């Protein structure tokens, strides 16, 4: 359960905004925003590309070329019409395919999506901008990149699929004890990896109804303040959760936009380097370096006061970039 003494801390990174929620000194949640994307809350003009006869659904295209699924199309709107649309769900990348963003017509004034700070303030949550929250972000993104989280007696394996995010519970303790011990780790992972949408948890099979009820009750306690709906555990140990999906989770970013995430992690490490040198050397897989835009490099130079040079290493895993000071 989450303490009432909570505060969101915000880092305004290069190419992204990062936030962690602190309760009594512990990180209990995280959120990530990439401002260049078509995000939930964006209101912008789009062109109606297709609509089926007699249907209020179709496709729309925004100025940057991104396509979206549109619903609630006005009856008098024909293909080619310009509509002001609000994004209700961003595009989601998945294995082998992607889901288009979802939008609907809006009568409101065009505006960009709210920043993380604006989102928190609109919800009445305390937020404070900090220069860095240290290694906490590396710990969170490390879990996202591996998809494996250890807990006493076992581990969670998290796998985003087109149907749902699956969480598999595995370990060598007896099934009932393992399932109960996994519950706090599951609740923490849902918050720190910002997972929403359709979620399936595969617990060990528990033979008795009393054991299954104990797990259901534990989930109820741990997720009491996390908005969701959930089924009770079935005879095979499976629990399904439905939560609001407003943005890609950190897990989805790590699994399907790995090079993009690694590039931003590299810039964060470079920005907060300690030491001396006339330049910063960015060492990464070529696919990661290719994601760093000229604008991001210029911002890194501005923030650090150092020149920036690249060193491509094809043998380096995309998720393992590093930065160091050098003297030119």
C-alpha atoms as a PDB file:
ATOM      1  CA  UNK A   1       0.000   0.000   0.000  1.00  0.00           C
ATOM      2  CA  UNK A   2       1.122   3.587  -0.635  1.00  0.00           C
ATOM      3  CA  UNK A   3       1.835   6.054   2.168  1.00  0.00           C
ATOM      4  CA  UNK A   4      -0.052   9.350   2.262  1.00  0.00           C
ATOM      5  CA  UNK A   5       3.317  11.145   2.532  1.00  0.00           C
ATOM      6  CA  UNK A   6       4.220  11.128  -1.157  1.00  0.00           C
ATOM      7  CA  UNK A   7       5.964  13.450  -3.576  1.00  0.00           C
ATOM      8  CA  UNK A   8       6.663  13.218  -7.293  1.00  0.00           C
ATOM      9  CA  UNK A   9      10.180  14.242  -8.308  1.00  0.00           C
ATOM     10  CA  UNK A  10      10.794  15.296 -11.887  1.00  0.00           C
ATOM     11  CA  UNK A  11      13.890  15.264 -14.086  1.00  0.00           C
ATOM     12  CA  UNK A  12      13.692  17.265 -17.291  1.00  0.00           C
ATOM     13  CA  UNK A  13      15.988  15.118 -19.397  1.00  0.00           C
ATOM     14  CA  UNK A  14      17.161  15.427 -22.969  1.00  0.00           C
ATOM     15  CA  UNK A  15      14.485  13.953 -25.221  1.00  0.00           C
ATOM     16  CA  UNK A  16      12.299  12.908 -22.314  1.00  0.00           C
ATOM     17  CA  UNK A  17      10.782  13.787 -18.973  1.00  0.00           C
ATOM     18  CA  UNK A  18      11.242  11.330 -16.111  1.00  0.00           C
ATOM     19  CA  UNK A  19       9.455  11.168 -12.788  1.00  0.00           C
ATOM     20  CA  UNK A  20       9.612   9.017  -9.692  1.00  0.00           C
ATOM     21  CA  UNK A  21       7.213   9.008  -6.773  1.00  0.00           C
ATOM     22  CA  UNK A  22       8.794   8.972  -3.321  1.00  0.00           C
ATOM     23  CA  UNK A  23       6.949   7.771  -0.220  1.00  0.00           C
ATOM     24  CA  UNK A  24       8.806   7.753   3.097  1.00  0.00           C
ATOM     25  CA  UNK A  25      12.122   7.675   1.255  1.00  0.00           C
ATOM     26  CA  UNK A  26      11.233   4.786  -1.070  1.00  0.00           C
ATOM     27  CA  UNK A  27      10.530   4.881  -4.819  1.00  0.00           C
ATOM     28  CA  UNK A  28       7.001   3.560  -5.281  1.00  0.00           C
ATOM     29  CA  UNK A  29       6.114   4.623  -8.840  1.00  0.00           C
ATOM     30  CA  UNK A  30       7.633   6.029 -12.002  1.00  0.00           C
ATOM     31  CA  UNK A  31       6.522   7.698 -15.196  1.00  0.00           C
ATOM     32  CA  UNK A  32       8.194   8.481 -18.516  1.00  0.00           C
ATOM     33  CA  UNK A  33       7.228  10.970 -21.227  1.00  0.00           C
ATOM     34  CA  UNK A  34       8.700  11.425 -24.698  1.00  0.00           C
ATOM     35  CA  UNK A  35       7.369  14.860 -25.785  1.00  0.00           C
ATOM     36  CA  UNK A  36       7.973  14.402 -29.513  1.00  0.00           C
ATOM     37  CA  UNK A  37       5.217  11.800 -29.803  1.00  0.00           C
ATOM     38  CA  UNK A  38       1.485  12.054 -30.389  1.00  0.00           C
ATOM     39  CA  UNK A  39       0.387  11.747 -26.769  1.00  0.00           C
ATOM     40  CA  UNK A  40      -2.801  11.358 -24.786  1.00  0.00           C
ATOM     41  CA  UNK A  41      -4.263  14.819 -24.263  1.00  0.00           C
ATOM     42  CA  UNK A  42      -2.889  16.320 -27.489  1.00  0.00           C
ATOM     43  CA  UNK A  43      -5.516  18.339 -29.378  1.00  0.00           C
ATOM     44  CA  UNK A  44      -4.516  19.021 -32.970  1.00  0.00           C
ATOM     45  CA  UNK A  45      -5.857  19.202 -36.512  1.00  0.00           C
ATOM     46  CA  UNK A  46      -6.034  16.003 -38.520  1.00  0.00           C
ATOM     47  CA  UNK A  47      -7.387  15.038 -41.918  1.00  0.00           C
ATOM     48  CA  UNK A  48     -10.109  12.429 -42.168  1.00  0.00           C
ATOM     49  CA  UNK A  49      -8.634   9.801 -44.482  1.00  0.00           C
ATOM     50  CA  UNK A  50     -11.219   7.023 -44.488  1.00  0.00           C
ATOM     51  CA  UNK A  51     -14.646   6.302 -43.044  1.00  0.00           C
ATOM     52  CA  UNK A  52     -17.002   3.457 -43.739  1.00  0.00           C
ATOM     53  CA  UNK A  53     -20.408   4.311 -45.111  1.00  0.00           C
ATOM     54  CA  UNK A  54     -22.840   4.723 -42.249  1.00  0.00           C
ATOM     55  CA  UNK A  55     -20.090   4.371 -39.648  1.00  0.00           C
ATOM     56  CA  UNK A  56     -18.744   6.881 -37.137  1.00  0.00           C
ATOM     57  CA  UNK A  57     -15.292   5.283 -37.241  1.00  0.00           C
ATOM     58  CA  UNK A  58     -12.397   5.649 -39.617  1.00  0.00           C
ATOM     59  CA  UNK A  59      -8.781   6.796 -39.886  1.00  0.00           C
ATOM     60  CA  UNK A  60      -7.233  10.250 -39.626  1.00  0.00           C
ATOM     61  CA  UNK A  61      -3.792  11.629 -40.397  1.00  0.00           C
ATOM     62  CA  UNK A  62      -1.947  14.334 -38.458  1.00  0.00           C
ATOM     63  CA  UNK A  63       0.383  16.963 -39.896  1.00  0.00           C
ATOM     64  CA  UNK A  64       3.488  14.886 -39.147  1.00  0.00           C
ATOM     65  CA  UNK A  65       2.045  11.973 -41.126  1.00  0.00           C
ATOM     66  CA  UNK A  66       1.049   9.801 -38.165  1.00  0.00           C
ATOM     67  CA  UNK A  67      -2.148   7.831 -38.695  1.00  0.00           C
ATOM     68  CA  UNK A  68      -4.753   7.270 -36.000  1.00  0.00           C
ATOM     69  CA  UNK A  69      -8.057   5.493 -35.505  1.00  0.00           C
ATOM     70  CA  UNK A  70     -10.857   8.008 -35.105  1.00  0.00           C
ATOM     71  CA  UNK A  71     -14.282   7.440 -33.522  1.00  0.00           C
ATOM     72  CA  UNK A  72     -17.402   9.579 -33.142  1.00  0.00           C
ATOM     73  CA  UNK A  73     -16.939  11.161 -36.583  1.00  0.00           C
ATOM     74  CA  UNK A  74     -19.618  13.801 -37.233  1.00  0.00           C
ATOM     75  CA  UNK A  75     -22.278  12.684 -39.711  1.00  0.00           C
ATOM     76  CA  UNK A  76     -21.517  15.523 -42.112  1.00  0.00           C
ATOM     77  CA  UNK A  77     -17.738  14.925 -42.188  1.00  0.00           C
ATOM     78  CA  UNK A  78     -16.530  13.401 -45.441  1.00  0.00           C
ATOM     79  CA  UNK A  79     -13.146  11.980 -46.387  1.00  0.00           C
ATOM     80  CA  UNK A  80     -10.591  14.776 -46.737  1.00  0.00           C
ATOM     81  CA  UNK A  81     -12.244  16.971 -44.100  1.00  0.00           C
ATOM     82  CA  UNK A  82     -10.092  18.721 -41.494  1.00  0.00           C
ATOM     83  CA  UNK A  83     -11.087  17.911 -37.918  1.00  0.00           C
ATOM     84  CA  UNK A  84      -9.784  19.068 -34.555  1.00  0.00           C
ATOM     85  CA  UNK A  85      -9.048  15.836 -32.688  1.00  0.00           C
ATOM     86  CA  UNK A  86      -8.075  14.850 -29.168  1.00  0.00           C
ATOM     87  CA  UNK A  87      -5.754  11.891 -28.636  1.00  0.00           C
ATOM     88  CA  UNK A  88      -7.291   9.463 -26.131  1.00  0.00           C
ATOM     89  CA  UNK A  89      -4.598   6.783 -26.416  1.00  0.00           C
ATOM     90  CA  UNK A  90      -1.167   6.974 -28.072  1.00  0.00           C
ATOM     91  CA  UNK A  91       0.204   4.510 -30.582  1.00  0.00           C
ATOM     92  CA  UNK A  92       1.610   1.321 -29.078  1.00  0.00           C
ATOM     93  CA  UNK A  93       4.378  -0.745 -30.594  1.00  0.00           C
ATOM     94  CA  UNK A  94       4.120  -4.513 -30.222  1.00  0.00           C
ATOM     95  CA  UNK A  95       5.880  -7.603 -31.425  1.00  0.00           C
ATOM     96  CA  UNK A  96       5.488  -7.772 -35.192  1.00  0.00           C
ATOM     97  CA  UNK A  97       2.970  -4.951 -35.390  1.00  0.00           C
ATOM     98  CA  UNK A  98       1.771  -1.741 -33.812  1.00  0.00           C
ATOM     99  CA  UNK A  99      -1.535  -0.292 -32.664  1.00  0.00           C
ATOM    100  CA  UNK A 100      -2.482   3.110 -34.033  1.00  0.00           C
ATOM    101  CA  UNK A 101      -3.266   5.990 -31.726  1.00  0.00           C
ATOM    102  CA  UNK A 102      -6.938   6.505 -30.910  1.00  0.00           C
ATOM    103  CA  UNK A 103      -8.553   9.941 -31.312  1.00  0.00           C
ATOM    104  CA  UNK A 104     -11.958  11.604 -31.329  1.00  0.00           C
ATOM    105  CA  UNK A 105     -13.210  14.991 -32.582  1.00  0.00           C
ATOM    106  CA  UNK A 106     -12.953  17.828 -30.084  1.00  0.00           C
ATOM    107  CA  UNK A 107     -14.465  21.294 -29.781  1.00  0.00           C
ATOM    108  CA  UNK A 108     -11.586  22.506 -27.609  1.00  0.00           C
ATOM    109  CA  UNK A 109      -8.695  24.738 -28.658  1.00  0.00           C
ATOM    110  CA  UNK A 110      -5.625  23.068 -30.129  1.00  0.00           C
ATOM    111  CA  UNK A 111      -2.928  22.389 -27.547  1.00  0.00           C
ATOM    112  CA  UNK A 112       0.018  20.072 -26.925  1.00  0.00           C
ATOM    113  CA  UNK A 113      -0.210  17.234 -24.430  1.00  0.00           C
ATOM    114  CA  UNK A 114       0.353  18.249 -20.808  1.00  0.00           C
ATOM    115  CA  UNK A 115       3.837  17.903 -19.374  1.00  0.00           C
ATOM    116  CA  UNK A 116       4.402  15.500 -16.477  1.00  0.00           C
ATOM    117  CA  UNK A 117       4.386  18.416 -14.040  1.00  0.00           C
ATOM    118  CA  UNK A 118       1.051  19.610 -15.451  1.00  0.00           C
ATOM    119  CA  UNK A 119      -0.383  16.092 -15.196  1.00  0.00           C
ATOM    120  CA  UNK A 120       0.585  15.763 -11.541  1.00  0.00           C
ATOM    121  CA  UNK A 121      -0.651  19.245 -10.609  1.00  0.00           C
ATOM    122  CA  UNK A 122      -3.985  18.599 -12.350  1.00  0.00           C
ATOM    123  CA  UNK A 123      -4.380  15.549 -10.103  1.00  0.00           C
ATOM    124  CA  UNK A 124      -3.543  17.572  -7.003  1.00  0.00           C
ATOM    125  CA  UNK A 125      -0.237  15.761  -6.474  1.00  0.00           C
ATOM    126  CA  UNK A 126       2.897  17.423  -5.128  1.00  0.00           C
ATOM    127  CA  UNK A 127       5.718  17.623  -7.687  1.00  0.00           C
ATOM    128  CA  UNK A 128       9.251  18.988  -7.411  1.00  0.00           C
ATOM    129  CA  UNK A 129      11.826  19.390 -10.184  1.00  0.00           C
ATOM    130  CA  UNK A 130      15.259  18.079  -9.230  1.00  0.00           C
ATOM    131  CA  UNK A 131      18.553  17.990 -11.084  1.00  0.00           C
ATOM    132  CA  UNK A 132      18.867  14.223 -10.704  1.00  0.00           C
ATOM    133  CA  UNK A 133      17.394  11.393  -8.667  1.00  0.00           C
ATOM    134  CA  UNK A 134      20.605   9.418  -8.866  1.00  0.00           C
ATOM    135  CA  UNK A 135      20.740   5.668  -9.426  1.00  0.00           C
ATOM    136  CA  UNK A 136      17.017   5.105  -8.825  1.00  0.00           C
ATOM    137  CA  UNK A 137      16.265   5.581 -12.518  1.00  0.00           C
ATOM    138  CA  UNK A 138      18.927   3.045 -13.546  1.00  0.00           C
ATOM    139  CA  UNK A 139      17.347   0.499 -11.205  1.00  0.00           C
ATOM    140  CA  UNK A 140      13.889   1.028 -12.706  1.00  0.00           C
ATOM    141  CA  UNK A 141      15.009   0.974 -16.332  1.00  0.00           C
ATOM    142  CA  UNK A 142      17.179  -2.051 -15.593  1.00  0.00           C
ATOM    143  CA  UNK A 143      14.050  -3.960 -14.558  1.00  0.00           C
ATOM    144  CA  UNK A 144      12.271  -2.778 -17.703  1.00  0.00           C
ATOM    145  CA  UNK A 145      15.132  -3.800 -19.993  1.00  0.00           C
ATOM    146  CA  UNK A 146      15.562  -7.280 -18.516  1.00  0.00           C
ATOM    147  CA  UNK A 147      11.877  -7.921 -17.894  1.00  0.00           C
ATOM    148  CA  UNK A 148      12.858  -9.885 -14.783  1.00  0.00           C
ATOM    149  CA  UNK A 149      12.352  -8.786 -11.174  1.00  0.00           C
ATOM    150  CA  UNK A 150      13.641 -10.862  -8.273  1.00  0.00           C
ATOM    151  CA  UNK A 151      11.906 -11.115  -4.909  1.00  0.00           C
ATOM    152  CA  UNK A 152      12.560 -13.338  -1.873  1.00  0.00           C
ATOM    153  CA  UNK A 153      12.066 -16.936  -2.967  1.00  0.00           C
ATOM    154  CA  UNK A 154      11.363 -16.289  -6.629  1.00  0.00           C
ATOM    155  CA  UNK A 155      11.161 -13.940  -9.595  1.00  0.00           C
ATOM    156  CA  UNK A 156       8.709 -12.239 -11.918  1.00  0.00           C
ATOM    157  CA  UNK A 157       9.075 -12.431 -15.690  1.00  0.00           C
ATOM    158  CA  UNK A 158       7.196  -9.647 -17.455  1.00  0.00           C
ATOM    159  CA  UNK A 159       6.279 -10.078 -21.123  1.00  0.00           C
ATOM    160  CA  UNK A 160       4.278  -7.522 -23.128  1.00  0.00           C
ATOM    161  CA  UNK A 161       2.171  -9.281 -25.777  1.00  0.00           C
ATOM    162  CA  UNK A 162      -0.458  -7.966 -28.235  1.00  0.00           C
ATOM    163  CA  UNK A 163      -3.218  -9.297 -25.973  1.00  0.00           C
ATOM    164  CA  UNK A 164      -1.901  -8.279 -22.560  1.00  0.00           C
ATOM    165  CA  UNK A 165       1.123  -7.783 -20.360  1.00  0.00           C
ATOM    166  CA  UNK A 166       1.860 -11.176 -18.816  1.00  0.00           C
ATOM    167  CA  UNK A 167       3.519 -11.574 -15.430  1.00  0.00           C
ATOM    168  CA  UNK A 168       4.806 -15.068 -14.669  1.00  0.00           C
ATOM    169  CA  UNK A 169       5.576 -15.989 -11.059  1.00  0.00           C
ATOM    170  CA  UNK A 170       8.315 -18.575 -10.588  1.00  0.00           C
ATOM    171  CA  UNK A 171      10.353 -19.831  -7.645  1.00  0.00           C
ATOM    172  CA  UNK A 172      11.299 -22.769  -5.491  1.00  0.00           C
ATOM    173  CA  UNK A 173       9.146 -22.117  -2.419  1.00  0.00           C
ATOM    174  CA  UNK A 174       5.898 -23.988  -1.846  1.00  0.00           C
ATOM    175  CA  UNK A 175       3.192 -22.616  -4.207  1.00  0.00           C
ATOM    176  CA  UNK A 176       1.054 -20.875  -1.581  1.00  0.00           C
ATOM    177  CA  UNK A 177       3.988 -19.144   0.110  1.00  0.00           C
ATOM    178  CA  UNK A 178       5.498 -18.215  -3.256  1.00  0.00           C
ATOM    179  CA  UNK A 179       2.237 -16.678  -4.501  1.00  0.00           C
ATOM    180  CA  UNK A 180       1.733 -14.587  -1.369  1.00  0.00           C
ATOM    181  CA  UNK A 181       5.347 -13.403  -1.353  1.00  0.00           C
ATOM    182  CA  UNK A 182       5.054 -12.394  -5.024  1.00  0.00           C
ATOM    183  CA  UNK A 183       2.080 -10.088  -4.467  1.00  0.00           C
ATOM    184  CA  UNK A 184       4.000  -7.051  -3.105  1.00  0.00           C
ATOM    185  CA  UNK A 185       6.584  -7.432  -5.897  1.00  0.00           C
ATOM    186  CA  UNK A 186       3.818  -7.506  -8.500  1.00  0.00           C
ATOM    187  CA  UNK A 187       2.127  -4.420  -7.051  1.00  0.00           C
ATOM    188  CA  UNK A 188       5.455  -2.579  -7.014  1.00  0.00           C
ATOM    189  CA  UNK A 189       6.247  -3.574 -10.614  1.00  0.00           C
ATOM    190  CA  UNK A 190       2.887  -2.330 -11.879  1.00  0.00           C
ATOM    191  CA  UNK A 191       3.600   1.097 -10.377  1.00  0.00           C
ATOM    192  CA  UNK A 192       7.319   1.479 -11.056  1.00  0.00           C
ATOM    193  CA  UNK A 193       7.031   0.283 -14.655  1.00  0.00           C
ATOM    194  CA  UNK A 194       3.789   2.281 -15.143  1.00  0.00           C
ATOM    195  CA  UNK A 195       1.935  -0.739 -16.556  1.00  0.00           C
ATOM    196  CA  UNK A 196      -1.691  -0.342 -17.596  1.00  0.00           C
ATOM    197  CA  UNK A 197      -4.212  -1.936 -19.919  1.00  0.00           C
ATOM    198  CA  UNK A 198      -4.895  -5.664 -19.892  1.00  0.00           C
ATOM    199  CA  UNK A 199      -2.632  -7.531 -17.449  1.00  0.00           C
ATOM    200  CA  UNK A 200      -2.471 -11.254 -16.769  1.00  0.00           C
ATOM    201  CA  UNK A 201      -0.726 -12.759 -13.727  1.00  0.00           C
ATOM    202  CA  UNK A 202       0.195 -16.439 -13.819  1.00  0.00           C
ATOM    203  CA  UNK A 203       0.626 -17.570 -10.223  1.00  0.00           C
ATOM    204  CA  UNK A 204       1.506 -21.146  -9.238  1.00  0.00           C
ATOM    205  CA  UNK A 205      -1.552 -23.398  -9.266  1.00  0.00           C
ATOM    206  CA  UNK A 206      -3.100 -23.448  -5.796  1.00  0.00           C
ATOM    207  CA  UNK A 207      -5.224 -26.447  -4.890  1.00  0.00           C
ATOM    208  CA  UNK A 208      -7.462 -25.048  -2.181  1.00  0.00           C
ATOM    209  CA  UNK A 209      -9.987 -22.243  -2.402  1.00  0.00           C
ATOM    210  CA  UNK A 210      -8.687 -20.862   0.909  1.00  0.00           C
ATOM    211  CA  UNK A 211      -5.198 -20.452  -0.567  1.00  0.00           C
ATOM    212  CA  UNK A 212      -6.583 -18.707  -3.640  1.00  0.00           C
ATOM    213  CA  UNK A 213      -8.715 -16.411  -1.493  1.00  0.00           C
ATOM    214  CA  UNK A 214      -5.654 -15.478   0.552  1.00  0.00           C
ATOM    215  CA  UNK A 215      -3.877 -14.326  -2.610  1.00  0.00           C
ATOM    216  CA  UNK A 216      -6.974 -12.433  -3.758  1.00  0.00           C
ATOM    217  CA  UNK A 217      -7.125 -10.634  -0.420  1.00  0.00           C
ATOM    218  CA  UNK A 218      -3.415  -9.809  -0.533  1.00  0.00           C
ATOM    219  CA  UNK A 219      -3.823  -8.314  -4.012  1.00  0.00           C
ATOM    220  CA  UNK A 220      -6.758  -6.284  -2.758  1.00  0.00           C
ATOM    221  CA  UNK A 221      -4.635  -4.799   0.026  1.00  0.00           C
ATOM    222  CA  UNK A 222      -1.572  -4.072  -2.127  1.00  0.00           C
ATOM    223  CA  UNK A 223      -3.584  -2.543  -4.985  1.00  0.00           C
ATOM    224  CA  UNK A 224      -6.220  -0.780  -2.899  1.00  0.00           C
ATOM    225  CA  UNK A 225      -5.205   2.703  -4.059  1.00  0.00           C
ATOM    226  CA  UNK A 226      -4.317   1.721  -7.637  1.00  0.00           C
ATOM    227  CA  UNK A 227      -7.372   2.164  -9.930  1.00  0.00           C
ATOM    228  CA  UNK A 228      -8.207  -1.142 -11.630  1.00  0.00           C
ATOM    229  CA  UNK A 229     -10.647  -3.995 -11.968  1.00  0.00           C
ATOM    230  CA  UNK A 230      -9.606  -7.579 -11.403  1.00  0.00           C
ATOM    231  CA  UNK A 231     -10.849 -11.142 -11.465  1.00  0.00           C
ATOM    232  CA  UNK A 232     -10.365 -13.579  -8.629  1.00  0.00           C
ATOM    233  CA  UNK A 233      -7.730 -16.261  -9.065  1.00  0.00           C
ATOM    234  CA  UNK A 234      -9.058 -19.208 -11.056  1.00  0.00           C
ATOM    235  CA  UNK A 235      -8.220 -22.865 -10.467  1.00  0.00           C
ATOM    236  CA  UNK A 236      -5.114 -22.590 -12.645  1.00  0.00           C
ATOM    237  CA  UNK A 237      -3.621 -19.669 -10.717  1.00  0.00           C
ATOM    238  CA  UNK A 238      -4.487 -16.984 -13.264  1.00  0.00           C
ATOM    239  CA  UNK A 239      -5.620 -13.458 -12.364  1.00  0.00           C
ATOM    240  CA  UNK A 240      -6.631 -10.807 -14.895  1.00  0.00           C
ATOM    241  CA  UNK A 241      -6.375  -7.074 -14.224  1.00  0.00           C
ATOM    242  CA  UNK A 242      -7.716  -4.171 -16.270  1.00  0.00           C
ATOM    243  CA  UNK A 243      -6.294  -0.689 -15.686  1.00  0.00           C
ATOM    244  CA  UNK A 244      -6.425   2.559 -17.643  1.00  0.00           C
ATOM    245  CA  UNK A 245      -3.898   2.712 -20.471  1.00  0.00           C
ATOM    246  CA  UNK A 246      -2.868   6.347 -21.021  1.00  0.00           C
ATOM    247  CA  UNK A 247       0.686   5.839 -22.348  1.00  0.00           C
ATOM    248  CA  UNK A 248       3.228   3.131 -23.170  1.00  0.00           C
ATOM    249  CA  UNK A 249       4.683   1.544 -20.050  1.00  0.00           C
ATOM    250  CA  UNK A 250       8.397   1.590 -19.324  1.00  0.00           C
ATOM    251  CA  UNK A 251       8.294  -2.138 -20.050  1.00  0.00           C
ATOM    252  CA  UNK A 252       6.833  -1.538 -23.527  1.00  0.00           C
ATOM    253  CA  UNK A 253       9.404   1.173 -24.212  1.00  0.00           C
ATOM    254  CA  UNK A 254      12.246  -1.118 -23.169  1.00  0.00           C
ATOM    255  CA  UNK A 255      11.048  -4.121 -25.121  1.00  0.00           C
ATOM    256  CA  UNK A 256       9.887  -2.478 -28.364  1.00  0.00           C
ATOM    257  CA  UNK A 257      11.805   0.827 -28.469  1.00  0.00           C
ATOM    258  CA  UNK A 258      15.024  -0.461 -26.999  1.00  0.00           C
ATOM    259  CA  UNK A 259      17.450   1.685 -28.991  1.00  0.00           C
ATOM    260  CA  UNK A 260      15.344   4.811 -28.383  1.00  0.00           C
ATOM    261  CA  UNK A 261      15.330   4.178 -24.636  1.00  0.00           C
ATOM    262  CA  UNK A 262      19.055   3.359 -24.589  1.00  0.00           C
ATOM    263  CA  UNK A 263      19.871   6.605 -26.417  1.00  0.00           C
ATOM    264  CA  UNK A 264      18.051   8.653 -23.807  1.00  0.00           C
ATOM    265  CA  UNK A 265      19.673   6.689 -20.977  1.00  0.00           C
ATOM    266  CA  UNK A 266      23.070   7.411 -22.521  1.00  0.00           C
ATOM    267  CA  UNK A 267      22.334  11.130 -22.649  1.00  0.00           C
ATOM    268  CA  UNK A 268      21.234  11.072 -19.001  1.00  0.00           C
ATOM    269  CA  UNK A 269      24.463   9.367 -17.952  1.00  0.00           C
ATOM    270  CA  UNK A 270      26.514  11.825 -20.005  1.00  0.00           C
ATOM    271  CA  UNK A 271      24.705  14.815 -18.522  1.00  0.00           C
ATOM    272  CA  UNK A 272      25.410  13.728 -14.947  1.00  0.00           C
ATOM    273  CA  UNK A 273      29.000  12.558 -15.369  1.00  0.00           C
ATOM    274  CA  UNK A 274      31.441  13.531 -12.632  1.00  0.00           C
ATOM    275  CA  UNK A 275      35.099  14.174 -13.338  1.00  0.00           C
ATOM    276  CA  UNK A 276      37.223  16.230 -15.690  1.00  0.00           C
ATOM    277  CA  UNK A 277      37.897  16.317 -19.403  1.00  0.00           C
ATOM    278  CA  UNK A 278      37.430  18.555 -22.396  1.00  0.00           C
ATOM    279  CA  UNK A 279      34.893  16.281 -24.101  1.00  0.00           C
ATOM    280  CA  UNK A 280      32.340  13.568 -23.422  1.00  0.00           C
ATOM    281  CA  UNK A 281      32.662  10.327 -25.360  1.00  0.00           C
ATOM    282  CA  UNK A 282      29.419   8.450 -26.026  1.00  0.00           C
ATOM    283  CA  UNK A 283      30.055   4.742 -26.558  1.00  0.00           C
ATOM    284  CA  UNK A 284      27.148   2.677 -27.825  1.00  0.00           C
ATOM    285  CA  UNK A 285      25.853   0.299 -30.453  1.00  0.00           C
ATOM    286  CA  UNK A 286      25.485   2.127 -33.808  1.00  0.00           C
ATOM    287  CA  UNK A 287      21.688   1.720 -33.663  1.00  0.00           C
ATOM    288  CA  UNK A 288      21.642   3.613 -30.373  1.00  0.00           C
ATOM    289  CA  UNK A 289      23.867   6.464 -31.579  1.00  0.00           C
ATOM    290  CA  UNK A 290      21.650   6.787 -34.658  1.00  0.00           C
ATOM    291  CA  UNK A 291      18.703   7.685 -32.404  1.00  0.00           C
ATOM    292  CA  UNK A 292      20.461  10.745 -30.961  1.00  0.00           C
ATOM    293  CA  UNK A 293      19.331  13.806 -32.882  1.00  0.00           C
ATOM    294  CA  UNK A 294      21.449  16.865 -33.622  1.00  0.00           C
ATOM    295  CA  UNK A 295      19.207  18.864 -31.322  1.00  0.00           C
ATOM    296  CA  UNK A 296      19.820  16.467 -28.444  1.00  0.00           C
ATOM    297  CA  UNK A 297      23.596  16.647 -28.977  1.00  0.00           C
ATOM    298  CA  UNK A 298      23.448  20.426 -28.945  1.00  0.00           C
ATOM    299  CA  UNK A 299      21.457  20.338 -25.718  1.00  0.00           C
ATOM    300  CA  UNK A 300      24.014  17.997 -24.128  1.00  0.00           C
ATOM    301  CA  UNK A 301      26.800  20.404 -25.100  1.00  0.00           C
ATOM    302  CA  UNK A 302      24.834  23.301 -23.622  1.00  0.00           C
ATOM    303  CA  UNK A 303      24.119  21.507 -20.353  1.00  0.00           C
ATOM    304  CA  UNK A 304      27.638  20.153 -19.806  1.00  0.00           C
ATOM    305  CA  UNK A 305      29.850  22.754 -21.469  1.00  0.00           C
ATOM    306  CA  UNK A 306      31.794  19.929 -23.158  1.00  0.00           C
ATOM    307  CA  UNK A 307      32.258  18.785 -26.712  1.00  0.00           C
ATOM    308  CA  UNK A 308      30.546  15.496 -27.551  1.00  0.00           C
ATOM    309  CA  UNK A 309      32.097  12.711 -29.627  1.00  0.00           C
ATOM    310  CA  UNK A 310      30.780   9.280 -30.584  1.00  0.00           C
ATOM    311  CA  UNK A 311      32.415   5.889 -30.468  1.00  0.00           C
ATOM    312  CA  UNK A 312      30.344   3.208 -32.160  1.00  0.00           C
ATOM    313  CA  UNK A 313      30.796  -0.350 -30.890  1.00  0.00           C
ATOM    314  CA  UNK A 314      28.747  -2.962 -32.804  1.00  0.00           C
ATOM    315  CA  UNK A 315      29.691  -5.608 -30.219  1.00  0.00           C
ATOM    316  CA  UNK A 316      28.086  -3.635 -27.397  1.00  0.00           C
ATOM    317  CA  UNK A 317      24.541  -4.588 -26.435  1.00  0.00           C
ATOM    318  CA  UNK A 318      22.064  -1.783 -27.208  1.00  0.00           C
ATOM    319  CA  UNK A 319      21.048  -1.583 -23.553  1.00  0.00           C
ATOM    320  CA  UNK A 320      24.645  -1.131 -22.337  1.00  0.00           C
ATOM    321  CA  UNK A 321      25.839   2.294 -23.601  1.00  0.00           C
ATOM    322  CA  UNK A 322      28.223   4.345 -21.500  1.00  0.00           C
ATOM    323  CA  UNK A 323      29.708   7.817 -21.365  1.00  0.00           C
ATOM    324  CA  UNK A 324      33.056   9.052 -20.121  1.00  0.00           C
ATOM    325  CA  UNK A 325      35.162  12.192 -20.036  1.00  0.00           C
ATOM    326  CA  UNK A 326      38.103  12.349 -22.405  1.00  0.00           C
ATOM    327  CA  UNK A 327      40.675  15.014 -23.233  1.00  0.00           C
ATOM    328  CA  UNK A 328      40.996  16.021 -26.868  1.00  0.00           C
END
